[in-house]
Structures are given as structure tokens and as C-alpha cells.
Amino acid sequence: MEIKDHKIAWFTEGGWSGKVPRNHPNMRNDMAWMHILNTTHYPIWTLPEIEEKYDFGIITVPKTNIDKLMQFPVIEQMRRVCEKIGFMQEGPYWHFQDFSIEEQAWYHNTLTQFDFLLVHNKSDEKYYEGITGLKTFINPTLMITDFVKQSKKKLRDNTIIGGNFVRWYGGFDSYIVASEFEKPIYAPSMGRKQQNEEKLEINHLPYLQWIDWMNELSKFKYAVHLMPTHAAGTFALNCAYLCIPCIGYEGLDTQELCFPELTVKDGDINFARFLARKLKDNKWFYNQISKTARENYYKYFSEQTYLEHWEKIWKQLAL
């Protein structure tokens, strides 16, 4: 059965309802999923109001407001509306372990009541299967690139790091390695951005919608994202599509598959710095990484590959 044969609802904490058009200006990963799977999105809290029936329902359980969600009959309401229900991972697999004991117990108990689980990476698949015993499938990170325009300006000889200076994003590790390029260092502005980061001579891009972010990212020559928090890995995938070599930690499928030669073990700053120097000094190595990154993007993360992957999932979830 193809995607068109399934009626799918997706529930998140987002305050909007409906389908995601292909020309949506903020086509980040979750929006791309919803578009390509032709799902209808609903805010979680509107579940009791929904009268439409669906073959499948997927919920992205938020990382916050768990106390509120614990008081909400989410499983009961999803089963009322959907024939089969699934969970989509949000953040790293361990994030719920920072919840209170009561919240951790609720989270795990809720997970076990789904029919299937969707996760980001191979390592996540093993973890969630291990704690629930449920069918668990990787939902690959996805990009809709119709409106992405590679910068026509001469490629800036600058470096961008993938996050701010907090443990979640590993900004400090990325900064140390990025310094090897001896070029101006830029970073996106994100929700966990710290005060005074600019004192480290970091240039911050403003908060951007996804399409504007991609067009701005395309201007950079080097990228470093030594992020210890393994989730969707969108930064590495964005870089791969734009042919920008990205040094990153292992554990992210997007990093390992698109940039196998630039993937280092967690904490191995020595090797990461060596790779930065090699990219800077060896033009052939740089060009080869750039070329294979785009090839790997199409091989592992293209829309067609994504749809083929989901056809296999549908067969295992056949009603």
C-alpha cells in the first residue's frame, strides 16, 4: 500500500491544524515528514474535539508540560480517533530521565501502550525497543529542497558551528575545532543561546525560518557540529545537501552516513582538530568530502529513499 492509501493524523504541541503545503516557508524536518506522508496535523489538546477517523495516528510527545500531559487521556483519545497509534521520538532518547520519578514512570508506561514507535537513529531504535519491546522503526530525517537556492555569491571562506554554548549543543567543542580553520566563526541563534557568547568572537546569525536558514548556510565553506545530544541531526543533513564538509560526533545517522570520514567519537577533539587541518590544507580531501556528501544525501535521505523506507514500514504495520 502507498501513502495515498493511508489516512494519517499527527499530533504535536503546535497550535495549528491542517496539512503542510509543499511551499511552506518553514519546512523544517517535522514539517517535511508531515508533508511527504500527507498527514493532517492537530494540536494534542484538541483530540477530544476530533470527529474524523484515521488509519494511523502519530504523536510527538513534547519535552515540556509533562505534568499537564499526565492529566490528559492521550492514549484513550488517540485510540478513539485512530485505528493504530504510534509515538515519534522528540530529542535524545535519554531526555525523559531528567523528569521527576512520577513523570518518568508515566512516560515509560505511556510508551508501552502504543502500537509502534518511531525514532531518529539506529542507536535510538535499539534503546526504545529495549525498554518497551515494541516494534520500533527509524523515521529518517528529511528535507524538502524545492525552494533552496545555493548562494550565488563567492563561497565565504568562513566556518559555521551548529549550536550555542551549552552542553545540549556542544558549542564549546565545536568552537575549539572551528578555530583550526583560522577564519571567522558563525553560529545560529537558538533557544538555548547564552548571554555574552559574542565575547568569544562568535558572529550570530539571527533567528531564521528554515528556507532562509538554508540559503544563509549555503554561503559557508566549513561546518563543525560536535553535538553530544543525538536527535534528528538536521544540521549535518543540511550541510550534506549543500556540499559543506561537516565534522561531527558519531551517533547521528545523518552525520555517519553523509560524512563518514569526518565523524569522530564523542570527546575526541584531537582527531576532530586533525580533520579540520586536513580540510583546510588538502584541497583534494575537501573537494572529495563535498562531492560524496551530496551523493550520500541522495543515497540515504532523498525523498524517494524516504518513501521506499516507509513502504517497508507500512507492510509491517498492515491493518
C-alpha atoms as a PDB file:
ATOM      1  CA  MET A   1       0.000   0.000   0.000  1.00  0.00           C
ATOM      2  CA  GLU A   2       1.196   3.503  -0.793  1.00  0.00           C
ATOM      3  CA  ILE A   3       1.000   6.604   1.376  1.00  0.00           C
ATOM      4  CA  LYS A   4      -2.050   7.794  -0.557  1.00  0.00           C
ATOM      5  CA  ASP A   5      -3.868   4.694   0.690  1.00  0.00           C
ATOM      6  CA  HIS A   6      -3.456   5.703   4.342  1.00  0.00           C
ATOM      7  CA  LYS A   7      -5.260   8.345   6.316  1.00  0.00           C
ATOM      8  CA  ILE A   8      -2.835   9.687   8.911  1.00  0.00           C
ATOM      9  CA  ALA A   9      -3.151  12.188  11.755  1.00  0.00           C
ATOM     10  CA  TRP A  10      -0.143  13.721  13.526  1.00  0.00           C
ATOM     11  CA  PHE A  11      -0.438  15.293  16.960  1.00  0.00           C
ATOM     12  CA  THR A  12       2.056  17.758  18.472  1.00  0.00           C
ATOM     13  CA  GLU A  13       2.025  20.687  20.894  1.00  0.00           C
ATOM     14  CA  GLY A  14       1.934  23.050  17.878  1.00  0.00           C
ATOM     15  CA  GLY A  15      -1.055  25.360  17.905  1.00  0.00           C
ATOM     16  CA  TRP A  16      -2.221  24.833  14.326  1.00  0.00           C
ATOM     17  CA  SER A  17      -4.328  22.355  12.370  1.00  0.00           C
ATOM     18  CA  GLY A  18      -4.316  21.107   8.793  1.00  0.00           C
ATOM     19  CA  LYS A  19      -1.910  19.836   6.152  1.00  0.00           C
ATOM     20  CA  VAL A  20       1.568  21.151   5.326  1.00  0.00           C
ATOM     21  CA  PRO A  21       1.790  22.592   1.778  1.00  0.00           C
ATOM     22  CA  ARG A  22       4.924  21.941  -0.236  1.00  0.00           C
ATOM     23  CA  ASN A  23       5.761  25.641  -0.373  1.00  0.00           C
ATOM     24  CA  HIS A  24       5.664  26.118   3.407  1.00  0.00           C
ATOM     25  CA  PRO A  25       8.410  28.687   4.259  1.00  0.00           C
ATOM     26  CA  ASN A  26       9.447  26.945   7.486  1.00  0.00           C
ATOM     27  CA  MET A  27       9.820  23.410   6.115  1.00  0.00           C
ATOM     28  CA  ARG A  28      11.925  22.044   8.951  1.00  0.00           C
ATOM     29  CA  ASN A  29      12.237  18.297   9.487  1.00  0.00           C
ATOM     30  CA  ASP A  30       8.915  17.640  11.235  1.00  0.00           C
ATOM     31  CA  MET A  31       7.012  19.686   8.663  1.00  0.00           C
ATOM     32  CA  ALA A  32       8.719  17.774   5.842  1.00  0.00           C
ATOM     33  CA  TRP A  33       7.593  14.485   7.408  1.00  0.00           C
ATOM     34  CA  MET A  34       4.014  15.677   7.671  1.00  0.00           C
ATOM     35  CA  HIS A  35       4.010  16.904   4.092  1.00  0.00           C
ATOM     36  CA  ILE A  36       5.514  13.821   2.470  1.00  0.00           C
ATOM     37  CA  LEU A  37       3.270  11.457   4.464  1.00  0.00           C
ATOM     38  CA  ASN A  38       0.224  13.622   3.641  1.00  0.00           C
ATOM     39  CA  THR A  39      -0.796  13.781   7.290  1.00  0.00           C
ATOM     40  CA  THR A  40      -3.295  16.088   8.945  1.00  0.00           C
ATOM     41  CA  HIS A  41      -1.830  17.885  11.943  1.00  0.00           C
ATOM     42  CA  TYR A  42      -3.719  18.623  15.163  1.00  0.00           C
ATOM     43  CA  PRO A  43      -2.688  20.152  18.495  1.00  0.00           C
ATOM     44  CA  ILE A  44      -2.614  17.400  21.126  1.00  0.00           C
ATOM     45  CA  TRP A  45      -5.103  19.207  23.344  1.00  0.00           C
ATOM     46  CA  THR A  46      -7.784  19.236  20.630  1.00  0.00           C
ATOM     47  CA  LEU A  47      -8.013  15.433  20.485  1.00  0.00           C
ATOM     48  CA  PRO A  48     -11.375  15.266  22.342  1.00  0.00           C
ATOM     49  CA  GLU A  49     -12.875  17.572  19.699  1.00  0.00           C
ATOM     50  CA  ILE A  50     -11.843  15.486  16.673  1.00  0.00           C
ATOM     51  CA  GLU A  51     -14.608  13.512  14.983  1.00  0.00           C
ATOM     52  CA  GLU A  52     -12.661  12.443  11.866  1.00  0.00           C
ATOM     53  CA  LYS A  53     -11.355   8.842  11.876  1.00  0.00           C
ATOM     54  CA  TYR A  54      -7.822   7.854  10.789  1.00  0.00           C
ATOM     55  CA  ASP A  55      -5.939   4.668   9.941  1.00  0.00           C
ATOM     56  CA  PHE A  56      -2.851   5.831  11.827  1.00  0.00           C
ATOM     57  CA  GLY A  57      -2.170   8.420  14.484  1.00  0.00           C
ATOM     58  CA  ILE A  58       1.313   9.624  15.411  1.00  0.00           C
ATOM     59  CA  ILE A  59       2.111  11.810  18.399  1.00  0.00           C
ATOM     60  CA  THR A  60       5.278  13.741  19.117  1.00  0.00           C
ATOM     61  CA  VAL A  61       5.330  13.845  22.909  1.00  0.00           C
ATOM     62  CA  PRO A  62       6.799  17.223  23.960  1.00  0.00           C
ATOM     63  CA  LYS A  63       9.808  17.559  26.240  1.00  0.00           C
ATOM     64  CA  THR A  64       7.936  20.024  28.469  1.00  0.00           C
ATOM     65  CA  ASN A  65       4.469  20.328  30.055  1.00  0.00           C
ATOM     66  CA  ILE A  66       4.623  16.672  31.063  1.00  0.00           C
ATOM     67  CA  ASP A  67       2.672  17.408  34.252  1.00  0.00           C
ATOM     68  CA  LYS A  68      -0.179  18.718  32.091  1.00  0.00           C
ATOM     69  CA  LEU A  69       0.013  15.793  29.688  1.00  0.00           C
ATOM     70  CA  MET A  70      -0.146  13.326  32.587  1.00  0.00           C
ATOM     71  CA  GLN A  71      -3.652  14.610  33.338  1.00  0.00           C
ATOM     72  CA  PHE A  72      -4.758  14.187  29.717  1.00  0.00           C
ATOM     73  CA  PRO A  73      -6.175  10.864  28.372  1.00  0.00           C
ATOM     74  CA  VAL A  74      -3.843  10.858  25.378  1.00  0.00           C
ATOM     75  CA  ILE A  75      -3.854   7.106  24.662  1.00  0.00           C
ATOM     76  CA  GLU A  76      -7.613   6.797  25.139  1.00  0.00           C
ATOM     77  CA  GLN A  77      -8.297   9.745  22.846  1.00  0.00           C
ATOM     78  CA  MET A  78      -5.836   8.625  20.151  1.00  0.00           C
ATOM     79  CA  ARG A  79      -7.423   5.154  20.083  1.00  0.00           C
ATOM     80  CA  ARG A  80     -10.854   6.737  19.790  1.00  0.00           C
ATOM     81  CA  VAL A  81      -9.751   8.544  16.638  1.00  0.00           C
ATOM     82  CA  CYS A  82      -7.129   6.208  15.123  1.00  0.00           C
ATOM     83  CA  GLU A  83      -7.036   2.504  14.251  1.00  0.00           C
ATOM     84  CA  LYS A  84      -3.345   2.233  15.151  1.00  0.00           C
ATOM     85  CA  ILE A  85      -1.273   4.686  17.146  1.00  0.00           C
ATOM     86  CA  GLY A  86       2.437   5.488  17.227  1.00  0.00           C
ATOM     87  CA  PHE A  87       4.951   7.626  19.117  1.00  0.00           C
ATOM     88  CA  MET A  88       7.579   9.864  17.497  1.00  0.00           C
ATOM     89  CA  GLN A  89      10.782  10.500  19.434  1.00  0.00           C
ATOM     90  CA  GLU A  90      11.441  14.126  20.427  1.00  0.00           C
ATOM     91  CA  GLY A  91      15.019  14.952  21.447  1.00  0.00           C
ATOM     92  CA  PRO A  92      17.628  12.421  22.611  1.00  0.00           C
ATOM     93  CA  TYR A  93      16.399   9.074  23.924  1.00  0.00           C
ATOM     94  CA  TRP A  94      17.561   9.881  27.461  1.00  0.00           C
ATOM     95  CA  HIS A  95      15.855  13.266  27.873  1.00  0.00           C
ATOM     96  CA  PHE A  96      12.944  11.885  29.944  1.00  0.00           C
ATOM     97  CA  GLN A  97      15.400  10.728  32.619  1.00  0.00           C
ATOM     98  CA  ASP A  98      15.598  14.343  33.807  1.00  0.00           C
ATOM     99  CA  PHE A  99      11.863  14.219  34.651  1.00  0.00           C
ATOM    100  CA  SER A 100      10.584  13.572  38.163  1.00  0.00           C
ATOM    101  CA  ILE A 101      10.213   9.918  39.173  1.00  0.00           C
ATOM    102  CA  GLU A 102       6.458  10.120  38.688  1.00  0.00           C
ATOM    103  CA  GLU A 103       6.884  11.634  35.235  1.00  0.00           C
ATOM    104  CA  GLN A 104       9.451   9.032  34.216  1.00  0.00           C
ATOM    105  CA  ALA A 105       7.080   6.243  35.263  1.00  0.00           C
ATOM    106  CA  TRP A 106       4.204   7.864  33.340  1.00  0.00           C
ATOM    107  CA  TYR A 107       6.391   8.360  30.254  1.00  0.00           C
ATOM    108  CA  HIS A 108       7.526   4.735  30.152  1.00  0.00           C
ATOM    109  CA  ASN A 109       4.066   3.360  30.874  1.00  0.00           C
ATOM    110  CA  THR A 110       2.612   5.525  28.099  1.00  0.00           C
ATOM    111  CA  LEU A 111       5.245   4.362  25.605  1.00  0.00           C
ATOM    112  CA  THR A 112       4.305   0.724  26.177  1.00  0.00           C
ATOM    113  CA  GLN A 113       0.688   1.417  25.176  1.00  0.00           C
ATOM    114  CA  PHE A 114       1.470   2.431  21.588  1.00  0.00           C
ATOM    115  CA  ASP A 115       1.327   0.015  18.664  1.00  0.00           C
ATOM    116  CA  PHE A 116       4.669   1.195  17.272  1.00  0.00           C
ATOM    117  CA  LEU A 117       7.449   3.697  17.927  1.00  0.00           C
ATOM    118  CA  LEU A 118       9.321   5.984  15.515  1.00  0.00           C
ATOM    119  CA  VAL A 119      12.869   7.117  16.306  1.00  0.00           C
ATOM    120  CA  HIS A 120      15.720   9.106  14.776  1.00  0.00           C
ATOM    121  CA  ASN A 121      18.799   6.870  14.711  1.00  0.00           C
ATOM    122  CA  LYS A 122      19.945   3.253  14.827  1.00  0.00           C
ATOM    123  CA  SER A 123      21.095   3.737  18.405  1.00  0.00           C
ATOM    124  CA  ASP A 124      17.649   5.084  19.334  1.00  0.00           C
ATOM    125  CA  GLU A 125      15.977   2.070  17.735  1.00  0.00           C
ATOM    126  CA  LYS A 126      17.886  -0.314  19.986  1.00  0.00           C
ATOM    127  CA  TYR A 127      17.135   1.767  23.076  1.00  0.00           C
ATOM    128  CA  TYR A 128      13.386   2.123  22.611  1.00  0.00           C
ATOM    129  CA  GLU A 129      12.950  -1.499  21.599  1.00  0.00           C
ATOM    130  CA  GLY A 130      14.911  -2.436  24.692  1.00  0.00           C
ATOM    131  CA  ILE A 131      12.754  -0.511  27.164  1.00  0.00           C
ATOM    132  CA  THR A 132       9.372  -1.307  25.575  1.00  0.00           C
ATOM    133  CA  GLY A 133       9.615  -4.490  23.494  1.00  0.00           C
ATOM    134  CA  LEU A 134       7.548  -2.733  20.791  1.00  0.00           C
ATOM    135  CA  LYS A 135       8.027  -2.538  17.037  1.00  0.00           C
ATOM    136  CA  THR A 136      10.395   0.383  16.554  1.00  0.00           C
ATOM    137  CA  PHE A 137      11.242   1.983  13.225  1.00  0.00           C
ATOM    138  CA  ILE A 138      13.710   4.674  12.202  1.00  0.00           C
ATOM    139  CA  ASN A 139      11.946   7.697  10.726  1.00  0.00           C
ATOM    140  CA  PRO A 140      14.799   9.239   8.701  1.00  0.00           C
ATOM    141  CA  THR A 141      15.446  12.972   8.831  1.00  0.00           C
ATOM    142  CA  LEU A 142      14.015  14.622   5.723  1.00  0.00           C
ATOM    143  CA  MET A 143      14.396  17.774   3.664  1.00  0.00           C
ATOM    144  CA  ILE A 144      12.079  19.285   1.032  1.00  0.00           C
ATOM    145  CA  THR A 145      14.537  21.231  -1.096  1.00  0.00           C
ATOM    146  CA  ASP A 146      12.374  22.680  -3.888  1.00  0.00           C
ATOM    147  CA  PHE A 147      12.972  26.285  -2.861  1.00  0.00           C
ATOM    148  CA  VAL A 148      16.544  26.049  -1.539  1.00  0.00           C
ATOM    149  CA  LYS A 149      18.859  28.269  -3.529  1.00  0.00           C
ATOM    150  CA  GLN A 150      22.609  27.829  -3.348  1.00  0.00           C
ATOM    151  CA  SER A 151      24.228  31.214  -2.762  1.00  0.00           C
ATOM    152  CA  LYS A 152      25.420  32.823  -5.988  1.00  0.00           C
ATOM    153  CA  LYS A 153      27.973  34.785  -4.037  1.00  0.00           C
ATOM    154  CA  LYS A 154      31.525  33.506  -3.908  1.00  0.00           C
ATOM    155  CA  LEU A 155      31.663  30.878  -1.151  1.00  0.00           C
ATOM    156  CA  ARG A 156      32.726  32.653   2.020  1.00  0.00           C
ATOM    157  CA  ASP A 157      35.896  31.244   3.480  1.00  0.00           C
ATOM    158  CA  ASN A 158      34.195  31.131   6.873  1.00  0.00           C
ATOM    159  CA  THR A 159      33.125  28.474   9.361  1.00  0.00           C
ATOM    160  CA  ILE A 160      29.770  27.813  10.979  1.00  0.00           C
ATOM    161  CA  ILE A 161      29.197  25.776  14.127  1.00  0.00           C
ATOM    162  CA  GLY A 162      25.907  24.003  14.694  1.00  0.00           C
ATOM    163  CA  GLY A 163      24.778  25.374  18.028  1.00  0.00           C
ATOM    164  CA  ASN A 164      25.256  27.578  21.047  1.00  0.00           C
ATOM    165  CA  PHE A 165      27.466  27.283  24.132  1.00  0.00           C
ATOM    166  CA  VAL A 166      25.503  24.826  26.239  1.00  0.00           C
ATOM    167  CA  ARG A 167      26.070  21.127  26.780  1.00  0.00           C
ATOM    168  CA  TRP A 168      22.964  20.293  24.727  1.00  0.00           C
ATOM    169  CA  TYR A 169      24.545  21.696  21.553  1.00  0.00           C
ATOM    170  CA  GLY A 170      28.238  21.246  22.366  1.00  0.00           C
ATOM    171  CA  GLY A 171      29.084  24.755  21.200  1.00  0.00           C
ATOM    172  CA  PHE A 172      32.356  24.885  23.115  1.00  0.00           C
ATOM    173  CA  ASP A 173      33.688  21.693  21.490  1.00  0.00           C
ATOM    174  CA  SER A 174      32.673  22.956  18.065  1.00  0.00           C
ATOM    175  CA  TYR A 175      34.313  26.337  18.724  1.00  0.00           C
ATOM    176  CA  ILE A 176      37.657  24.772  19.662  1.00  0.00           C
ATOM    177  CA  VAL A 177      37.729  22.703  16.471  1.00  0.00           C
ATOM    178  CA  ALA A 178      36.414  25.507  14.264  1.00  0.00           C
ATOM    179  CA  SER A 179      39.281  27.700  15.448  1.00  0.00           C
ATOM    180  CA  GLU A 180      41.639  25.450  13.452  1.00  0.00           C
ATOM    181  CA  PHE A 181      40.344  26.987  10.224  1.00  0.00           C
ATOM    182  CA  GLU A 182      41.595  30.419  11.376  1.00  0.00           C
ATOM    183  CA  LYS A 183      38.584  32.097   9.781  1.00  0.00           C
ATOM    184  CA  PRO A 184      35.599  33.978  11.231  1.00  0.00           C
ATOM    185  CA  ILE A 185      33.253  31.663  13.149  1.00  0.00           C
ATOM    186  CA  TYR A 186      29.473  31.948  12.945  1.00  0.00           C
ATOM    187  CA  ALA A 187      26.669  30.267  14.875  1.00  0.00           C
ATOM    188  CA  PRO A 188      22.885  30.188  14.578  1.00  0.00           C
ATOM    189  CA  SER A 189      20.784  31.826  17.259  1.00  0.00           C
ATOM    190  CA  MET A 190      18.830  29.141  19.099  1.00  0.00           C
ATOM    191  CA  GLY A 191      16.579  28.930  22.130  1.00  0.00           C
ATOM    192  CA  ARG A 192      19.438  27.990  24.477  1.00  0.00           C
ATOM    193  CA  LYS A 193      21.761  30.779  23.319  1.00  0.00           C
ATOM    194  CA  GLN A 194      23.792  32.152  26.223  1.00  0.00           C
ATOM    195  CA  GLN A 195      24.485  35.762  27.039  1.00  0.00           C
ATOM    196  CA  ASN A 196      27.933  37.054  26.079  1.00  0.00           C
ATOM    197  CA  GLU A 197      28.733  34.364  23.509  1.00  0.00           C
ATOM    198  CA  GLU A 198      29.886  37.177  21.243  1.00  0.00           C
ATOM    199  CA  LYS A 199      32.790  37.810  23.638  1.00  0.00           C
ATOM    200  CA  LEU A 200      34.336  34.646  22.186  1.00  0.00           C
ATOM    201  CA  GLU A 201      34.308  36.392  18.793  1.00  0.00           C
ATOM    202  CA  ILE A 202      31.314  34.396  17.628  1.00  0.00           C
ATOM    203  CA  ASN A 203      29.160  36.008  14.939  1.00  0.00           C
ATOM    204  CA  HIS A 204      25.499  35.102  15.381  1.00  0.00           C
ATOM    205  CA  LEU A 205      23.021  34.677  12.588  1.00  0.00           C
ATOM    206  CA  PRO A 206      19.560  35.992  13.502  1.00  0.00           C
ATOM    207  CA  TYR A 207      16.631  33.670  14.159  1.00  0.00           C
ATOM    208  CA  LEU A 208      15.603  32.442  10.714  1.00  0.00           C
ATOM    209  CA  GLN A 209      12.828  30.437   9.096  1.00  0.00           C
ATOM    210  CA  TRP A 210      14.079  27.201   7.575  1.00  0.00           C
ATOM    211  CA  ILE A 211      14.296  28.345   3.959  1.00  0.00           C
ATOM    212  CA  ASP A 212      16.201  31.500   4.984  1.00  0.00           C
ATOM    213  CA  TRP A 213      18.485  29.397   7.190  1.00  0.00           C
ATOM    214  CA  MET A 214      19.339  27.101   4.261  1.00  0.00           C
ATOM    215  CA  ASN A 215      20.060  29.985   1.941  1.00  0.00           C
ATOM    216  CA  GLU A 216      22.330  31.584   4.554  1.00  0.00           C
ATOM    217  CA  LEU A 217      24.061  28.295   5.385  1.00  0.00           C
ATOM    218  CA  SER A 218      24.918  27.784   1.724  1.00  0.00           C
ATOM    219  CA  LYS A 219      27.415  30.653   1.939  1.00  0.00           C
ATOM    220  CA  PHE A 220      29.794  28.838   4.310  1.00  0.00           C
ATOM    221  CA  LYS A 221      32.824  26.730   3.477  1.00  0.00           C
ATOM    222  CA  TYR A 222      33.338  24.698   6.678  1.00  0.00           C
ATOM    223  CA  ALA A 223      30.990  23.346   9.350  1.00  0.00           C
ATOM    224  CA  VAL A 224      31.531  21.812  12.791  1.00  0.00           C
ATOM    225  CA  HIS A 225      28.780  20.342  14.951  1.00  0.00           C
ATOM    226  CA  LEU A 226      30.195  18.359  17.858  1.00  0.00           C
ATOM    227  CA  MET A 227      26.813  17.970  19.496  1.00  0.00           C
ATOM    228  CA  PRO A 228      26.607  15.277  22.197  1.00  0.00           C
ATOM    229  CA  THR A 229      22.793  15.353  22.121  1.00  0.00           C
ATOM    230  CA  HIS A 230      21.790  12.889  19.437  1.00  0.00           C
ATOM    231  CA  ALA A 231      18.406  13.509  17.854  1.00  0.00           C
ATOM    232  CA  ALA A 232      17.323  14.294  14.278  1.00  0.00           C
ATOM    233  CA  GLY A 233      20.723  15.543  13.084  1.00  0.00           C
ATOM    234  CA  THR A 234      19.302  18.172  10.753  1.00  0.00           C
ATOM    235  CA  PHE A 235      22.451  20.334  10.734  1.00  0.00           C
ATOM    236  CA  ALA A 236      24.636  17.594   9.249  1.00  0.00           C
ATOM    237  CA  LEU A 237      21.971  16.765   6.664  1.00  0.00           C
ATOM    238  CA  ASN A 238      21.594  20.422   5.661  1.00  0.00           C
ATOM    239  CA  CYS A 239      25.354  20.654   5.195  1.00  0.00           C
ATOM    240  CA  ALA A 240      25.477  17.455   3.140  1.00  0.00           C
ATOM    241  CA  TYR A 241      22.862  18.740   0.717  1.00  0.00           C
ATOM    242  CA  LEU A 242      24.829  21.994   0.356  1.00  0.00           C
ATOM    243  CA  CYS A 243      28.168  20.140  -0.078  1.00  0.00           C
ATOM    244  CA  ILE A 244      29.660  21.733   3.057  1.00  0.00           C
ATOM    245  CA  PRO A 245      32.039  19.367   4.917  1.00  0.00           C
ATOM    246  CA  CYS A 246      30.808  18.929   8.500  1.00  0.00           C
ATOM    247  CA  ILE A 247      32.842  17.485  11.366  1.00  0.00           C
ATOM    248  CA  GLY A 248      30.613  15.852  13.963  1.00  0.00           C
ATOM    249  CA  TYR A 249      30.282  13.254  16.691  1.00  0.00           C
ATOM    250  CA  GLU A 250      29.143   9.702  15.982  1.00  0.00           C
ATOM    251  CA  GLY A 251      25.652   8.595  16.989  1.00  0.00           C
ATOM    252  CA  LEU A 252      23.716  10.615  14.412  1.00  0.00           C
ATOM    253  CA  ASP A 253      22.709   8.695  11.299  1.00  0.00           C
ATOM    254  CA  THR A 254      22.856  11.868   9.206  1.00  0.00           C
ATOM    255  CA  GLN A 255      26.451  12.556  10.269  1.00  0.00           C
ATOM    256  CA  GLU A 256      27.693   8.984   9.981  1.00  0.00           C
ATOM    257  CA  LEU A 257      26.072   8.289   6.606  1.00  0.00           C
ATOM    258  CA  CYS A 258      26.762  11.626   4.912  1.00  0.00           C
ATOM    259  CA  PHE A 259      30.189  12.353   6.409  1.00  0.00           C
ATOM    260  CA  PRO A 260      31.761   9.022   7.425  1.00  0.00           C
ATOM    261  CA  GLU A 261      35.295  10.394   7.086  1.00  0.00           C
ATOM    262  CA  LEU A 262      34.503  13.429   9.265  1.00  0.00           C
ATOM    263  CA  THR A 263      32.772  11.534  12.079  1.00  0.00           C
ATOM    264  CA  VAL A 264      34.623  11.250  15.386  1.00  0.00           C
ATOM    265  CA  LYS A 265      33.940   9.503  18.674  1.00  0.00           C
ATOM    266  CA  ASP A 266      32.366  11.562  21.451  1.00  0.00           C
ATOM    267  CA  GLY A 267      35.012  13.750  23.044  1.00  0.00           C
ATOM    268  CA  ASP A 268      37.762  13.020  20.515  1.00  0.00           C
ATOM    269  CA  ILE A 269      38.705  16.647  19.983  1.00  0.00           C
ATOM    270  CA  ASN A 270      42.247  15.730  18.925  1.00  0.00           C
ATOM    271  CA  PHE A 271      41.028  13.812  15.880  1.00  0.00           C
ATOM    272  CA  ALA A 272      38.413  16.463  15.102  1.00  0.00           C
ATOM    273  CA  ARG A 273      41.127  19.143  15.067  1.00  0.00           C
ATOM    274  CA  PHE A 274      43.265  16.943  12.809  1.00  0.00           C
ATOM    275  CA  LEU A 275      40.361  16.640  10.364  1.00  0.00           C
ATOM    276  CA  ALA A 276      39.856  20.409  10.402  1.00  0.00           C
ATOM    277  CA  ARG A 277      43.501  20.980   9.498  1.00  0.00           C
ATOM    278  CA  LYS A 278      43.247  18.369   6.751  1.00  0.00           C
ATOM    279  CA  LEU A 279      40.177  20.055   5.256  1.00  0.00           C
ATOM    280  CA  LYS A 280      41.953  23.404   5.361  1.00  0.00           C
ATOM    281  CA  ASP A 281      45.269  22.238   3.891  1.00  0.00           C
ATOM    282  CA  ASN A 282      44.262  19.461   1.486  1.00  0.00           C
ATOM    283  CA  LYS A 283      42.131  20.774  -1.366  1.00  0.00           C
ATOM    284  CA  TRP A 284      41.594  17.291  -2.824  1.00  0.00           C
ATOM    285  CA  PHE A 285      40.311  15.991   0.516  1.00  0.00           C
ATOM    286  CA  TYR A 286      37.941  18.945   0.876  1.00  0.00           C
ATOM    287  CA  ASN A 287      36.556  18.515  -2.636  1.00  0.00           C
ATOM    288  CA  GLN A 288      36.151  14.763  -2.206  1.00  0.00           C
ATOM    289  CA  ILE A 289      34.216  15.189   1.049  1.00  0.00           C
ATOM    290  CA  SER A 290      31.985  17.825  -0.567  1.00  0.00           C
ATOM    291  CA  LYS A 291      31.248  15.596  -3.543  1.00  0.00           C
ATOM    292  CA  THR A 292      30.487  12.420  -1.595  1.00  0.00           C
ATOM    293  CA  ALA A 293      28.361  14.301   0.951  1.00  0.00           C
ATOM    294  CA  ARG A 294      25.834  15.267  -1.733  1.00  0.00           C
ATOM    295  CA  GLU A 295      25.956  11.742  -3.174  1.00  0.00           C
ATOM    296  CA  ASN A 296      25.337  10.250   0.267  1.00  0.00           C
ATOM    297  CA  TYR A 297      22.476  12.667   0.844  1.00  0.00           C
ATOM    298  CA  TYR A 298      20.666  11.386  -2.239  1.00  0.00           C
ATOM    299  CA  LYS A 299      21.528   7.768  -1.471  1.00  0.00           C
ATOM    300  CA  TYR A 300      20.291   7.748   2.128  1.00  0.00           C
ATOM    301  CA  PHE A 301      17.998  10.753   2.633  1.00  0.00           C
ATOM    302  CA  SER A 302      16.301  11.711  -0.621  1.00  0.00           C
ATOM    303  CA  GLU A 303      12.505  11.892  -0.793  1.00  0.00           C
ATOM    304  CA  GLN A 304      12.432   8.735  -2.896  1.00  0.00           C
ATOM    305  CA  THR A 305      14.554   6.838  -0.384  1.00  0.00           C
ATOM    306  CA  TYR A 306      12.308   8.076   2.411  1.00  0.00           C
ATOM    307  CA  LEU A 307       9.149   6.891   0.647  1.00  0.00           C
ATOM    308  CA  GLU A 308      10.683   3.487  -0.103  1.00  0.00           C
ATOM    309  CA  HIS A 309      11.626   3.177   3.561  1.00  0.00           C
ATOM    310  CA  TRP A 310       8.059   3.936   4.607  1.00  0.00           C
ATOM    311  CA  GLU A 311       6.624   1.378   2.212  1.00  0.00           C
ATOM    312  CA  LYS A 312       8.503  -1.240   4.232  1.00  0.00           C
ATOM    313  CA  ILE A 313       7.078   0.196   7.458  1.00  0.00           C
ATOM    314  CA  TRP A 314       3.518   0.086   6.069  1.00  0.00           C
ATOM    315  CA  LYS A 315       3.890  -3.600   5.281  1.00  0.00           C
ATOM    316  CA  GLN A 316       4.861  -4.330   8.881  1.00  0.00           C
ATOM    317  CA  LEU A 317       2.020  -2.189  10.209  1.00  0.00           C
ATOM    318  CA  ALA A 318      -0.615  -3.527   7.832  1.00  0.00           C
ATOM    319  CA  LEU A 319      -4.085  -3.193   9.269  1.00  0.00           C
END
